[in-house]
């Protein structure tokens, strides 16, 4: 399992401004097996990223790509993603103007069209909590988007923190997405009145049964993201990784 732990780069969005190469080097030295590409600095060089991945022997746990680029720059995007040796493209969010019944229907249609236009790649959707505010066909808009049917090509990238934030049980929510979730997002929730972001293994979420389910259900990468850190984000990632390593011993 330890070779499946990836640092989600949104956590390090400020650190990336000092350079991709040193950040990737530090992550490798810390013990991460891979990174999930996100929040890359404006004007980044895809060749530099690919070289830094190779130099540090870091795997690529997919890449987060905006709806706008999926819609308007797909050919160039696929050329870029091919450099990173990943087949996972993840839509990380939905613009506010589409967070309604008609909007979610458009998003589902569009992401399925992207999947058809990008054979050999997997298209996933990463949730927050707002998808539970809208109901479509008797289910939350998130369950509507990720409906596990042969016709629906949108895979899940479940973020367990946001599932809990929405008042749902993460382990129960995962059940329909066995073999339909190549990447999961791990982050914890503080055990206080704030119920905010915390390092994995330090908060309310029970990760052991989640990891057990993931190992049996086709999850290939565990991407650790912490949207807001109390101090140095590198320190937060270190804490999460060390706690995950302890948990991983149960699955050896």
Protein backbone atom coordinates (compact mmCIF):
# COMPACT_ATOMS: atom_id res chain seq x y z
CA UNK A 1 0.00 0.00 0.00
CA UNK A 2 2.83 2.42 0.76
CA UNK A 3 3.65 2.66 -2.94
CA UNK A 4 0.17 4.15 -3.50
CA UNK A 5 0.49 7.27 -1.32
CA UNK A 6 0.51 10.52 -3.33
CA UNK A 7 0.73 14.14 -2.23
CA UNK A 8 -1.99 16.31 -3.75
CA UNK A 9 -0.22 19.46 -4.92
CA UNK A 10 -3.08 21.82 -4.06
CA UNK A 11 -1.80 21.43 -0.50
CA UNK A 12 1.48 22.94 -1.67
CA UNK A 13 0.13 25.67 -3.97
CA UNK A 14 2.23 28.37 -2.27
CA UNK A 15 5.36 26.19 -2.04
CA UNK A 16 5.19 25.47 -5.77
CA UNK A 17 5.86 29.15 -6.44
CA UNK A 18 9.46 28.61 -5.33
CA UNK A 19 9.94 25.91 -7.93
CA UNK A 20 8.60 22.56 -9.01
CA UNK A 21 11.99 20.84 -8.91
CA UNK A 22 12.82 21.50 -5.22
CA UNK A 23 9.28 20.69 -4.09
CA UNK A 24 9.26 17.36 -5.92
CA UNK A 25 12.68 16.54 -4.48
CA UNK A 26 11.46 17.22 -0.93
CA UNK A 27 8.36 15.09 -1.45
CA UNK A 28 10.44 12.16 -2.65
CA UNK A 29 12.81 12.50 0.29
CA UNK A 30 9.80 12.59 2.63
CA UNK A 31 8.73 9.21 1.28
CA UNK A 32 5.87 9.91 -1.11
CA UNK A 33 5.42 7.47 -3.98
CA UNK A 34 3.68 9.97 -6.21
CA UNK A 35 1.96 13.29 -6.61
CA UNK A 36 -1.40 14.35 -7.93
CA UNK A 37 -0.92 17.31 -10.23
CA UNK A 38 -2.97 20.36 -9.33
CA UNK A 39 -2.57 24.10 -8.65
CA UNK A 40 0.46 24.30 -10.92
CA UNK A 41 2.01 27.79 -11.17
CA UNK A 42 0.90 30.02 -14.07
CA UNK A 43 3.04 29.49 -17.14
CA UNK A 44 4.39 26.15 -15.92
CA UNK A 45 6.42 24.05 -18.35
CA UNK A 46 4.97 20.53 -18.83
CA UNK A 47 8.39 19.27 -19.90
CA UNK A 48 9.87 20.49 -16.60
CA UNK A 49 7.16 18.71 -14.64
CA UNK A 50 7.66 15.48 -16.57
CA UNK A 51 11.43 15.69 -16.03
CA UNK A 52 11.01 16.35 -12.29
CA UNK A 53 8.68 13.36 -11.97
CA UNK A 54 11.18 11.12 -13.73
CA UNK A 55 14.21 12.45 -11.88
CA UNK A 56 12.59 11.84 -8.50
CA UNK A 57 10.90 8.57 -9.51
CA UNK A 58 7.50 9.93 -8.54
CA UNK A 59 4.37 8.40 -9.99
CA UNK A 60 1.51 10.56 -11.22
CA UNK A 61 -1.78 10.00 -9.42
CA UNK A 62 -3.75 11.76 -12.11
CA UNK A 63 -4.18 15.46 -12.81
CA UNK A 64 -6.94 17.90 -11.88
CA UNK A 65 -8.24 19.83 -14.89
CA UNK A 66 -10.85 22.57 -14.91
CA UNK A 67 -14.17 22.25 -16.71
CA UNK A 68 -13.15 25.11 -18.98
CA UNK A 69 -10.03 23.38 -20.22
CA UNK A 70 -11.78 20.05 -20.61
CA UNK A 71 -14.28 21.82 -22.83
CA UNK A 72 -12.03 24.13 -24.80
CA UNK A 73 -8.51 22.67 -24.87
CA UNK A 74 -8.88 18.89 -24.85
CA UNK A 75 -6.41 18.06 -27.64
CA UNK A 76 -3.58 20.07 -26.09
CA UNK A 77 -4.49 18.72 -22.68
CA UNK A 78 -4.18 15.10 -23.82
CA UNK A 79 -0.78 15.85 -25.36
CA UNK A 80 0.33 17.31 -22.04
CA UNK A 81 -1.08 14.53 -19.87
CA UNK A 82 0.69 11.93 -21.98
CA UNK A 83 3.99 13.41 -20.77
CA UNK A 84 3.08 12.62 -17.17
CA UNK A 85 2.46 8.92 -17.76
CA UNK A 86 -1.01 8.89 -16.25
CA UNK A 87 -4.39 8.06 -17.72
CA UNK A 88 -6.40 9.77 -15.00
CA UNK A 89 -7.97 13.17 -15.68
CA UNK A 90 -10.10 14.55 -12.87
CA UNK A 91 -12.63 17.38 -12.94
CA UNK A 92 -12.05 18.97 -9.53
CA UNK A 93 -14.97 21.36 -9.25
CA UNK A 94 -18.06 22.81 -10.91
CA UNK A 95 -18.57 26.55 -11.46
CA UNK A 96 -21.24 28.05 -9.23
CA UNK A 97 -23.52 28.86 -12.18
CA UNK A 98 -23.77 25.12 -12.94
CA UNK A 99 -24.64 24.02 -9.40
CA UNK A 100 -28.28 23.42 -10.21
CA UNK A 101 -30.36 20.66 -11.75
CA UNK A 102 -29.81 21.74 -15.34
CA UNK A 103 -26.14 22.46 -14.72
CA UNK A 104 -25.40 19.03 -13.31
CA UNK A 105 -27.19 17.44 -16.25
CA UNK A 106 -24.94 19.43 -18.62
CA UNK A 107 -21.83 18.47 -16.66
CA UNK A 108 -22.71 14.78 -16.76
CA UNK A 109 -23.31 14.92 -20.51
CA UNK A 110 -20.11 16.87 -21.11
CA UNK A 111 -17.82 14.66 -19.01
CA UNK A 112 -19.20 11.58 -20.76
CA UNK A 113 -18.45 13.25 -24.10
CA UNK A 114 -14.90 13.95 -22.94
CA UNK A 115 -14.52 10.28 -22.02
CA UNK A 116 -15.65 9.28 -25.51
CA UNK A 117 -13.19 11.71 -27.12
CA UNK A 118 -10.28 10.52 -24.96
CA UNK A 119 -9.97 6.76 -25.39
CA UNK A 120 -7.29 5.31 -23.16
CA UNK A 121 -7.91 7.92 -20.46
CA UNK A 122 -10.16 7.79 -17.41
CA UNK A 123 -12.37 10.76 -16.52
CA UNK A 124 -13.27 11.18 -12.86
CA UNK A 125 -15.06 13.76 -10.76
CA UNK A 126 -13.85 15.06 -7.38
CA UNK A 127 -16.54 16.08 -4.94
CA UNK A 128 -17.00 18.76 -2.33
CA UNK A 129 -20.10 19.06 -0.11
CA UNK A 130 -22.19 21.38 -2.27
CA UNK A 131 -23.27 18.52 -4.54
CA UNK A 132 -25.54 17.34 -1.73
CA UNK A 133 -27.52 20.58 -1.90
CA UNK A 134 -29.24 19.60 -5.15
CA UNK A 135 -31.38 16.52 -5.77
CA UNK A 136 -31.79 14.92 -9.19
CA UNK A 137 -33.88 11.83 -9.89
CA UNK A 138 -34.31 11.18 -6.18
CA UNK A 139 -30.60 11.28 -5.32
CA UNK A 140 -27.92 13.86 -4.59
CA UNK A 141 -26.34 15.48 -7.61
CA UNK A 142 -23.07 13.74 -6.70
CA UNK A 143 -24.71 10.32 -6.83
CA UNK A 144 -26.36 11.39 -10.08
CA UNK A 145 -23.01 12.36 -11.62
CA UNK A 146 -21.27 9.18 -10.45
CA UNK A 147 -24.13 6.77 -11.17
CA UNK A 148 -22.43 3.35 -11.45
CA UNK A 149 -23.90 2.19 -14.75
CA UNK A 150 -22.24 0.92 -17.92
CA UNK A 151 -23.51 3.95 -19.84
CA UNK A 152 -21.98 6.46 -17.42
CA UNK A 153 -18.22 6.79 -17.96
CA UNK A 154 -17.62 9.25 -15.11
CA UNK A 155 -15.54 7.61 -12.39
CA UNK A 156 -15.40 8.67 -8.75
CA UNK A 157 -12.65 10.48 -6.91
CA UNK A 158 -14.32 10.58 -3.51
CA UNK A 159 -12.99 13.08 -0.97
CA UNK A 160 -13.83 11.53 2.39
CA UNK A 161 -13.63 14.84 4.29
CA UNK A 162 -16.30 16.48 2.15
CA UNK A 163 -18.55 13.43 2.41
CA UNK A 164 -18.39 13.68 6.19
CA UNK A 165 -18.81 17.47 6.02
CA UNK A 166 -22.08 16.84 4.16
CA UNK A 167 -23.28 14.64 7.02
CA UNK A 168 -22.81 11.30 5.29
CA UNK A 169 -20.75 8.30 6.39
CA UNK A 170 -17.67 8.04 4.13
CA UNK A 171 -17.36 4.25 4.27
CA UNK A 172 -21.00 3.70 3.44
CA UNK A 173 -20.91 6.27 0.66
CA UNK A 174 -18.00 4.50 -1.06
CA UNK A 175 -19.81 1.20 -1.49
CA UNK A 176 -21.32 1.70 -4.99
CA UNK A 177 -17.99 2.74 -6.49
CA UNK A 178 -15.97 -0.46 -6.20
CA UNK A 179 -13.86 -0.82 -9.37
CA UNK A 180 -15.01 2.69 -10.37
CA UNK A 181 -12.61 4.76 -8.25
CA UNK A 182 -8.94 4.62 -9.26
CA UNK A 183 -8.03 7.48 -6.89
CA UNK A 184 -9.42 8.47 -3.50
CA UNK A 185 -8.81 11.73 -1.63
CA UNK A 186 -7.84 11.39 2.02
CA UNK A 187 -8.07 14.23 4.50
CA UNK A 188 -9.22 14.29 8.10
CA UNK A 189 -11.61 16.51 10.09
CA UNK A 190 -10.73 18.19 13.37
CA UNK A 191 -12.43 16.81 16.47
CA UNK A 192 -13.72 20.18 17.69
CA UNK A 193 -16.45 22.68 16.95
CA UNK A 194 -14.65 23.92 13.81
CA UNK A 195 -14.86 20.57 11.96
CA UNK A 196 -12.15 21.82 9.62
CA UNK A 197 -9.23 20.22 7.76
CA UNK A 198 -6.78 18.05 9.69
CA UNK A 199 -3.84 15.76 9.05
CA UNK A 200 -4.82 12.17 8.30
CA UNK A 201 -5.06 10.14 11.49
CA UNK A 202 -5.47 13.11 13.82
CA UNK A 203 -9.21 13.73 13.61
CA UNK A 204 -12.69 12.26 13.43
CA UNK A 205 -12.49 10.01 10.38
CA UNK A 206 -11.81 6.30 10.90
CA UNK A 207 -9.45 5.49 8.06
CA UNK A 208 -8.69 1.82 8.72
CA UNK A 209 -11.98 0.45 7.33
CA UNK A 210 -11.83 2.92 4.46
CA UNK A 211 -8.36 1.71 3.47
CA UNK A 212 -9.49 -1.88 3.83
CA UNK A 213 -12.39 -1.25 1.44
CA UNK A 214 -10.11 0.56 -0.99
CA UNK A 215 -7.61 -2.28 -1.13
CA UNK A 216 -10.43 -4.68 -2.02
CA UNK A 217 -12.14 -2.35 -4.48
CA UNK A 218 -9.59 -1.31 -7.09
CA UNK A 219 -8.20 1.93 -5.66
CA UNK A 220 -4.77 2.56 -7.19
CA UNK A 221 -3.75 5.81 -5.49
CA UNK A 222 -4.41 7.44 -2.12
CA UNK A 223 -4.06 11.19 -2.70
CA UNK A 224 -3.60 13.20 0.49
CA UNK A 225 -4.87 16.75 0.37
CA UNK A 226 -5.18 19.34 3.10
CA UNK A 227 -6.82 22.50 1.82
CA UNK A 228 -5.68 24.63 4.77
CA UNK A 229 -2.80 23.70 7.08
CA UNK A 230 -2.19 25.14 10.56
CA UNK A 231 1.49 25.68 9.80
CA UNK A 232 3.97 24.56 7.18
CA UNK A 233 2.08 22.40 4.63
CA UNK A 234 5.13 20.17 4.29
CA UNK A 235 4.86 19.39 8.00
CA UNK A 236 1.18 18.55 7.62
CA UNK A 237 1.92 16.21 4.72
CA UNK A 238 4.68 14.56 6.76
CA UNK A 239 2.26 13.90 9.62
CA UNK A 240 -0.36 12.46 7.29
CA UNK A 241 2.19 10.22 5.59
CA UNK A 242 3.62 8.86 8.83
CA UNK A 243 0.14 8.06 10.12
CA UNK A 244 -0.78 6.36 6.85
CA UNK A 245 2.37 4.25 7.03
CA UNK A 246 1.28 2.99 10.45
CA UNK A 247 -2.19 2.17 9.11
CA UNK A 248 -0.68 0.45 6.08
CA UNK A 249 1.05 -2.12 8.28
CA UNK A 250 -2.37 -3.70 8.85
CA UNK A 251 -2.57 -4.58 5.15
CA UNK A 252 0.85 -6.11 4.57
